[in-house]
């Protein structure tokens, strides 16, 4: 039987972990990810503006502008 410290030691060494298989995204999957990121940044910018953090909101709006070019 293994004790808790052995489990922690194995986890720290990466025992039992493996990198997930990578796959290519389709164009539509990529666009969906970009749309999601745009939505998250737009919502966050609105929250920052509501709390007087125009500096952060402007940075997020800039990121949205860049991402929008790829959708």
PDB file of N, CA and C in Angstrom:
ATOM      1  N   UNK A   1       0.848  -1.184   0.000  1.00  0.00           N
ATOM      2  CA  UNK A   1       0.000   0.000   0.000  1.00  0.00           C
ATOM      3  C   UNK A   1       0.887   1.240   0.000  1.00  0.00           C
ATOM      4  N   UNK A   2       0.436   2.254  -0.712  1.00  0.00           N
ATOM      5  CA  UNK A   2       1.205   3.497  -0.754  1.00  0.00           C
ATOM      6  C   UNK A   2       0.598   4.492   0.212  1.00  0.00           C
ATOM      7  N   UNK A   3       1.456   5.278   0.797  1.00  0.00           N
ATOM      8  CA  UNK A   3       0.930   6.296   1.699  1.00  0.00           C
ATOM      9  C   UNK A   3       0.826   7.623   0.967  1.00  0.00           C
ATOM     10  N   UNK A   4       0.281   8.596   1.647  1.00  0.00           N
ATOM     11  CA  UNK A   4       0.020   9.895   1.021  1.00  0.00           C
ATOM     12  C   UNK A   4       1.294  10.573   0.527  1.00  0.00           C
ATOM     13  N   UNK A   5       2.380  10.456   1.281  1.00  0.00           N
ATOM     14  CA  UNK A   5       3.617  11.116   0.857  1.00  0.00           C
ATOM     15  C   UNK A   5       4.165  10.505  -0.424  1.00  0.00           C
ATOM     16  N   UNK A   6       3.956   9.205  -0.636  1.00  0.00           N
ATOM     17  CA  UNK A   6       4.389   8.578  -1.884  1.00  0.00           C
ATOM     18  C   UNK A   6       3.569   9.093  -3.063  1.00  0.00           C
ATOM     19  N   UNK A   7       2.272   9.284  -2.841  1.00  0.00           N
ATOM     20  CA  UNK A   7       1.418   9.827  -3.899  1.00  0.00           C
ATOM     21  C   UNK A   7       1.860  11.238  -4.277  1.00  0.00           C
ATOM     22  N   UNK A   8       2.172  12.039  -3.283  1.00  0.00           N
ATOM     23  CA  UNK A   8       2.610  13.409  -3.534  1.00  0.00           C
ATOM     24  C   UNK A   8       3.935  13.401  -4.278  1.00  0.00           C
ATOM     25  N   UNK A   9       4.855  12.542  -3.868  1.00  0.00           N
ATOM     26  CA  UNK A   9       6.159  12.461  -4.525  1.00  0.00           C
ATOM     27  C   UNK A   9       6.003  12.043  -5.981  1.00  0.00           C
ATOM     28  N   UNK A  10       5.162  11.065  -6.239  1.00  0.00           N
ATOM     29  CA  UNK A  10       4.944  10.615  -7.611  1.00  0.00           C
ATOM     30  C   UNK A  10       4.314  11.721  -8.451  1.00  0.00           C
ATOM     31  N   UNK A  11       3.381  12.449  -7.866  1.00  0.00           N
ATOM     32  CA  UNK A  11       2.732  13.540  -8.596  1.00  0.00           C
ATOM     33  C   UNK A  11       3.745  14.630  -8.938  1.00  0.00           C
ATOM     34  N   UNK A  12       4.641  14.913  -8.013  1.00  0.00           N
ATOM     35  CA  UNK A  12       5.652  15.944  -8.256  1.00  0.00           C
ATOM     36  C   UNK A  12       6.596  15.539  -9.380  1.00  0.00           C
ATOM     37  N   UNK A  13       6.821  14.254  -9.525  1.00  0.00           N
ATOM     38  CA  UNK A  13       7.694  13.754 -10.589  1.00  0.00           C
ATOM     39  C   UNK A  13       6.965  13.596 -11.912  1.00  0.00           C
ATOM     40  N   UNK A  14       5.651  13.715 -11.881  1.00  0.00           N
ATOM     41  CA  UNK A  14       4.881  13.561 -13.107  1.00  0.00           C
ATOM     42  C   UNK A  14       4.542  12.116 -13.413  1.00  0.00           C
ATOM     43  N   UNK A  15       4.684  11.237 -12.436  1.00  0.00           N
ATOM     44  CA  UNK A  15       4.376   9.827 -12.640  1.00  0.00           C
ATOM     45  C   UNK A  15       2.893   9.679 -12.933  1.00  0.00           C
ATOM     46  N   UNK A  16       2.586   8.983 -13.993  1.00  0.00           N
ATOM     47  CA  UNK A  16       1.187   8.749 -14.345  1.00  0.00           C
ATOM     48  C   UNK A  16       0.580   9.852 -15.181  1.00  0.00           C
ATOM     49  N   UNK A  17       1.354  10.876 -15.480  1.00  0.00           N
ATOM     50  CA  UNK A  17       0.811  11.954 -16.301  1.00  0.00           C
ATOM     51  C   UNK A  17       1.411  11.858 -17.693  1.00  0.00           C
ATOM     52  N   UNK A  18       0.638  12.283 -18.637  1.00  0.00           N
ATOM     53  CA  UNK A  18       1.113  12.287 -20.020  1.00  0.00           C
ATOM     54  C   UNK A  18       0.517  13.485 -20.726  1.00  0.00           C
ATOM     55  N   UNK A  19       1.224  13.957 -21.712  1.00  0.00           N
ATOM     56  CA  UNK A  19       0.707  15.074 -22.490  1.00  0.00           C
ATOM     57  C   UNK A  19      -0.456  14.586 -23.332  1.00  0.00           C
ATOM     58  N   UNK A  20      -1.488  15.394 -23.392  1.00  0.00           N
ATOM     59  CA  UNK A  20      -2.652  15.040 -24.207  1.00  0.00           C
ATOM     60  C   UNK A  20      -2.261  15.059 -25.678  1.00  0.00           C
ATOM     61  N   UNK A  21      -2.849  14.158 -26.417  1.00  0.00           N
ATOM     62  CA  UNK A  21      -2.585  14.115 -27.849  1.00  0.00           C
ATOM     63  C   UNK A  21      -3.038  15.423 -28.488  1.00  0.00           C
ATOM     64  N   UNK A  22      -2.213  15.969 -29.323  1.00  0.00           N
ATOM     65  CA  UNK A  22      -2.540  17.223 -29.995  1.00  0.00           C
ATOM     66  C   UNK A  22      -3.275  16.931 -31.287  1.00  0.00           C
ATOM     67  N   UNK A  23      -4.137  17.847 -31.656  1.00  0.00           N
ATOM     68  CA  UNK A  23      -4.846  17.716 -32.916  1.00  0.00           C
ATOM     69  C   UNK A  23      -4.956  19.093 -33.540  1.00  0.00           C
ATOM     70  N   UNK A  24      -5.163  19.113 -34.818  1.00  0.00           N
ATOM     71  CA  UNK A  24      -5.328  20.382 -35.519  1.00  0.00           C
ATOM     72  C   UNK A  24      -6.763  20.854 -35.379  1.00  0.00           C
ATOM     73  N   UNK A  25      -6.930  22.153 -35.241  1.00  0.00           N
ATOM     74  CA  UNK A  25      -8.269  22.732 -35.170  1.00  0.00           C
ATOM     75  C   UNK A  25      -8.764  23.018 -36.577  1.00  0.00           C
ATOM     76  N   UNK A  26     -10.064  22.853 -36.751  1.00  0.00           N
ATOM     77  CA  UNK A  26     -10.648  23.251 -38.024  1.00  0.00           C
ATOM     78  C   UNK A  26     -10.766  24.769 -38.029  1.00  0.00           C
ATOM     79  N   UNK A  27     -10.981  25.330 -39.190  1.00  0.00           N
ATOM     80  CA  UNK A  27     -11.152  26.784 -39.293  1.00  0.00           C
ATOM     81  C   UNK A  27     -12.326  27.245 -38.449  1.00  0.00           C
ATOM     82  N   UNK A  28     -13.405  26.481 -38.455  1.00  0.00           N
ATOM     83  CA  UNK A  28     -14.585  26.862 -37.672  1.00  0.00           C
ATOM     84  C   UNK A  28     -14.300  26.782 -36.175  1.00  0.00           C
ATOM     85  N   UNK A  29     -13.578  25.770 -35.718  1.00  0.00           N
ATOM     86  CA  UNK A  29     -13.226  25.666 -34.300  1.00  0.00           C
ATOM     87  C   UNK A  29     -12.352  26.847 -33.879  1.00  0.00           C
ATOM     88  N   UNK A  30     -11.426  27.210 -34.723  1.00  0.00           N
ATOM     89  CA  UNK A  30     -10.568  28.351 -34.427  1.00  0.00           C
ATOM     90  C   UNK A  30     -11.375  29.643 -34.346  1.00  0.00           C
ATOM     91  N   UNK A  31     -12.294  29.840 -35.286  1.00  0.00           N
ATOM     92  CA  UNK A  31     -13.146  31.041 -35.249  1.00  0.00           C
ATOM     93  C   UNK A  31     -14.003  31.057 -33.987  1.00  0.00           C
ATOM     94  N   UNK A  32     -14.500  29.901 -33.567  1.00  0.00           N
ATOM     95  CA  UNK A  32     -15.325  29.838 -32.358  1.00  0.00           C
ATOM     96  C   UNK A  32     -14.500  30.222 -31.128  1.00  0.00           C
ATOM     97  N   UNK A  33     -13.280  29.756 -31.055  1.00  0.00           N
ATOM     98  CA  UNK A  33     -12.400  30.130 -29.941  1.00  0.00           C
ATOM     99  C   UNK A  33     -12.148  31.631 -29.951  1.00  0.00           C
ATOM    100  N   UNK A  34     -11.871  32.179 -31.116  1.00  0.00           N
ATOM    101  CA  UNK A  34     -11.639  33.622 -31.216  1.00  0.00           C
ATOM    102  C   UNK A  34     -12.878  34.411 -30.814  1.00  0.00           C
ATOM    103  N   UNK A  35     -14.062  33.971 -31.266  1.00  0.00           N
ATOM    104  CA  UNK A  35     -15.305  34.666 -30.879  1.00  0.00           C
ATOM    105  C   UNK A  35     -15.501  34.621 -29.368  1.00  0.00           C
ATOM    106  N   UNK A  36     -15.181  33.489 -28.760  1.00  0.00           N
ATOM    107  CA  UNK A  36     -15.299  33.364 -27.313  1.00  0.00           C
ATOM    108  C   UNK A  36     -14.338  34.315 -26.599  1.00  0.00           C
ATOM    109  N   UNK A  37     -13.102  34.368 -27.067  1.00  0.00           N
ATOM    110  CA  UNK A  37     -12.113  35.273 -26.477  1.00  0.00           C
ATOM    111  C   UNK A  37     -12.532  36.732 -26.642  1.00  0.00           C
ATOM    112  N   UNK A  38     -13.076  37.058 -27.799  1.00  0.00           N
ATOM    113  CA  UNK A  38     -13.560  38.420 -28.044  1.00  0.00           C
ATOM    114  C   UNK A  38     -14.679  38.758 -27.064  1.00  0.00           C
ATOM    115  N   UNK A  39     -15.609  37.844 -26.884  1.00  0.00           N
ATOM    116  CA  UNK A  39     -16.712  38.067 -25.952  1.00  0.00           C
ATOM    117  C   UNK A  39     -16.237  38.250 -24.522  1.00  0.00           C
ATOM    118  N   UNK A  40     -15.291  37.413 -24.101  1.00  0.00           N
ATOM    119  CA  UNK A  40     -14.765  37.521 -22.740  1.00  0.00           C
ATOM    120  C   UNK A  40     -14.053  38.855 -22.525  1.00  0.00           C
ATOM    121  N   UNK A  41     -13.257  39.261 -23.485  1.00  0.00           N
ATOM    122  CA  UNK A  41     -12.526  40.523 -23.351  1.00  0.00           C
ATOM    123  C   UNK A  41     -13.468  41.724 -23.402  1.00  0.00           C
ATOM    124  N   UNK A  42     -14.490  41.658 -24.234  1.00  0.00           N
ATOM    125  CA  UNK A  42     -15.464  42.748 -24.319  1.00  0.00           C
ATOM    126  C   UNK A  42     -16.208  42.897 -22.997  1.00  0.00           C
ATOM    127  N   UNK A  43     -16.632  41.777 -22.427  1.00  0.00           N
ATOM    128  CA  UNK A  43     -17.337  41.813 -21.143  1.00  0.00           C
ATOM    129  C   UNK A  43     -16.419  42.329 -20.037  1.00  0.00           C
ATOM    130  N   UNK A  44     -15.179  41.876 -20.034  1.00  0.00           N
ATOM    131  CA  UNK A  44     -14.231  42.327 -19.013  1.00  0.00           C
ATOM    132  C   UNK A  44     -13.962  43.820 -19.151  1.00  0.00           C
ATOM    133  N   UNK A  45     -13.845  44.299 -20.385  1.00  0.00           N
ATOM    134  CA  UNK A  45     -13.611  45.728 -20.608  1.00  0.00           C
ATOM    135  C   UNK A  45     -14.760  46.552 -20.043  1.00  0.00           C
ATOM    136  N   UNK A  46     -15.979  46.092 -20.249  1.00  0.00           N
ATOM    137  CA  UNK A  46     -17.142  46.807 -19.716  1.00  0.00           C
ATOM    138  C   UNK A  46     -17.099  46.855 -18.190  1.00  0.00           C
ATOM    139  N   UNK A  47     -16.697  45.755 -17.569  1.00  0.00           N
ATOM    140  CA  UNK A  47     -16.589  45.719 -16.105  1.00  0.00           C
ATOM    141  C   UNK A  47     -15.515  46.701 -15.618  1.00  0.00           C
ATOM    142  N   UNK A  48     -14.384  46.691 -16.278  1.00  0.00           N
ATOM    143  CA  UNK A  48     -13.315  47.616 -15.881  1.00  0.00           C
ATOM    144  C   UNK A  48     -13.743  49.066 -16.068  1.00  0.00           C
ATOM    145  N   UNK A  49     -14.446  49.358 -17.164  1.00  0.00           N
ATOM    146  CA  UNK A  49     -14.940  50.719 -17.385  1.00  0.00           C
ATOM    147  C   UNK A  49     -15.908  51.123 -16.283  1.00  0.00           C
ATOM    148  N   UNK A  50     -16.773  50.199 -15.884  1.00  0.00           N
ATOM    149  CA  UNK A  50     -17.754  50.483 -14.834  1.00  0.00           C
ATOM    150  C   UNK A  50     -17.084  50.775 -13.492  1.00  0.00           C
ATOM    151  N   UNK A  51     -15.873  50.268 -13.316  1.00  0.00           N
ATOM    152  CA  UNK A  51     -15.156  50.473 -12.060  1.00  0.00           C
ATOM    153  C   UNK A  51     -14.028  51.494 -12.192  1.00  0.00           C
ATOM    154  N   UNK A  52     -14.100  52.295 -13.255  1.00  0.00           N
ATOM    155  CA  UNK A  52     -13.159  53.392 -13.389  1.00  0.00           C
ATOM    156  C   UNK A  52     -11.761  53.012 -13.849  1.00  0.00           C
ATOM    157  N   UNK A  53     -11.606  51.828 -14.404  1.00  0.00           N
ATOM    158  CA  UNK A  53     -10.283  51.391 -14.873  1.00  0.00           C
ATOM    159  C   UNK A  53     -10.213  51.470 -16.390  1.00  0.00           C
ATOM    160  N   UNK A  54     -10.280  52.677 -16.891  1.00  0.00           N
ATOM    161  CA  UNK A  54     -10.268  52.907 -18.330  1.00  0.00           C
ATOM    162  C   UNK A  54      -8.980  52.395 -18.967  1.00  0.00           C
ATOM    163  N   UNK A  55      -7.873  52.456 -18.235  1.00  0.00           N
ATOM    164  CA  UNK A  55      -6.592  51.993 -18.772  1.00  0.00           C
ATOM    165  C   UNK A  55      -6.637  50.515 -19.144  1.00  0.00           C
ATOM    166  N   UNK A  56      -7.187  49.716 -18.259  1.00  0.00           N
ATOM    167  CA  UNK A  56      -7.288  48.278 -18.526  1.00  0.00           C
ATOM    168  C   UNK A  56      -8.319  48.024 -19.619  1.00  0.00           C
ATOM    169  N   UNK A  57      -9.427  48.757 -19.571  1.00  0.00           N
ATOM    170  CA  UNK A  57     -10.473  48.594 -20.585  1.00  0.00           C
ATOM    171  C   UNK A  57      -9.928  48.902 -21.975  1.00  0.00           C
ATOM    172  N   UNK A  58      -9.122  49.933 -22.091  1.00  0.00           N
ATOM    173  CA  UNK A  58      -8.546  50.286 -23.392  1.00  0.00           C
ATOM    174  C   UNK A  58      -7.618  49.194 -23.909  1.00  0.00           C
ATOM    175  N   UNK A  59      -6.848  48.594 -23.010  1.00  0.00           N
ATOM    176  CA  UNK A  59      -5.965  47.497 -23.418  1.00  0.00           C
ATOM    177  C   UNK A  59      -6.786  46.324 -23.942  1.00  0.00           C
ATOM    178  N   UNK A  60      -7.868  46.008 -23.238  1.00  0.00           N
ATOM    179  CA  UNK A  60      -8.733  44.906 -23.666  1.00  0.00           C
ATOM    180  C   UNK A  60      -9.411  45.214 -24.997  1.00  0.00           C
ATOM    181  N   UNK A  61      -9.838  46.449 -25.182  1.00  0.00           N
ATOM    182  CA  UNK A  61     -10.441  46.834 -26.467  1.00  0.00           C
ATOM    183  C   UNK A  61      -9.418  46.691 -27.597  1.00  0.00           C
ATOM    184  N   UNK A  62      -8.168  46.997 -27.316  1.00  0.00           N
ATOM    185  CA  UNK A  62      -7.112  46.816 -28.304  1.00  0.00           C
ATOM    186  C   UNK A  62      -6.932  45.348 -28.670  1.00  0.00           C
ATOM    187  N   UNK A  63      -6.995  44.477 -27.663  1.00  0.00           N
ATOM    188  CA  UNK A  63      -6.891  43.043 -27.921  1.00  0.00           C
ATOM    189  C   UNK A  63      -8.069  42.562 -28.764  1.00  0.00           C
ATOM    190  N   UNK A  64      -9.260  43.078 -28.461  1.00  0.00           N
ATOM    191  CA  UNK A  64     -10.449  42.720 -29.241  1.00  0.00           C
ATOM    192  C   UNK A  64     -10.259  43.130 -30.696  1.00  0.00           C
ATOM    193  N   UNK A  65      -9.714  44.308 -30.919  1.00  0.00           N
ATOM    194  CA  UNK A  65      -9.497  44.783 -32.289  1.00  0.00           C
ATOM    195  C   UNK A  65      -8.564  43.846 -33.051  1.00  0.00           C
ATOM    196  N   UNK A  66      -7.524  43.369 -32.388  1.00  0.00           N
ATOM    197  CA  UNK A  66      -6.592  42.447 -33.041  1.00  0.00           C
ATOM    198  C   UNK A  66      -7.278  41.117 -33.328  1.00  0.00           C
ATOM    199  N   UNK A  67      -7.964  40.565 -32.345  1.00  0.00           N
ATOM    200  CA  UNK A  67      -8.623  39.266 -32.527  1.00  0.00           C
ATOM    201  C   UNK A  67      -9.689  39.320 -33.616  1.00  0.00           C
ATOM    202  N   UNK A  68     -10.388  40.448 -33.701  1.00  0.00           N
ATOM    203  CA  UNK A  68     -11.465  40.594 -34.681  1.00  0.00           C
ATOM    204  C   UNK A  68     -10.943  40.455 -36.109  1.00  0.00           C
ATOM    205  N   UNK A  69      -9.713  40.826 -36.328  1.00  0.00           N
ATOM    206  CA  UNK A  69      -9.128  40.702 -37.674  1.00  0.00           C
ATOM    207  C   UNK A  69      -9.074  39.258 -38.157  1.00  0.00           C
ATOM    208  N   UNK A  70      -9.067  38.322 -37.228  1.00  0.00           N
ATOM    209  CA  UNK A  70      -8.897  36.914 -37.587  1.00  0.00           C
ATOM    210  C   UNK A  70     -10.199  36.122 -37.612  1.00  0.00           C
ATOM    211  N   UNK A  71     -11.306  36.778 -37.344  1.00  0.00           N
ATOM    212  CA  UNK A  71     -12.593  36.060 -37.315  1.00  0.00           C
ATOM    213  C   UNK A  71     -13.246  36.054 -38.641  1.00  0.00           C
TER     214      UNK A  71
END
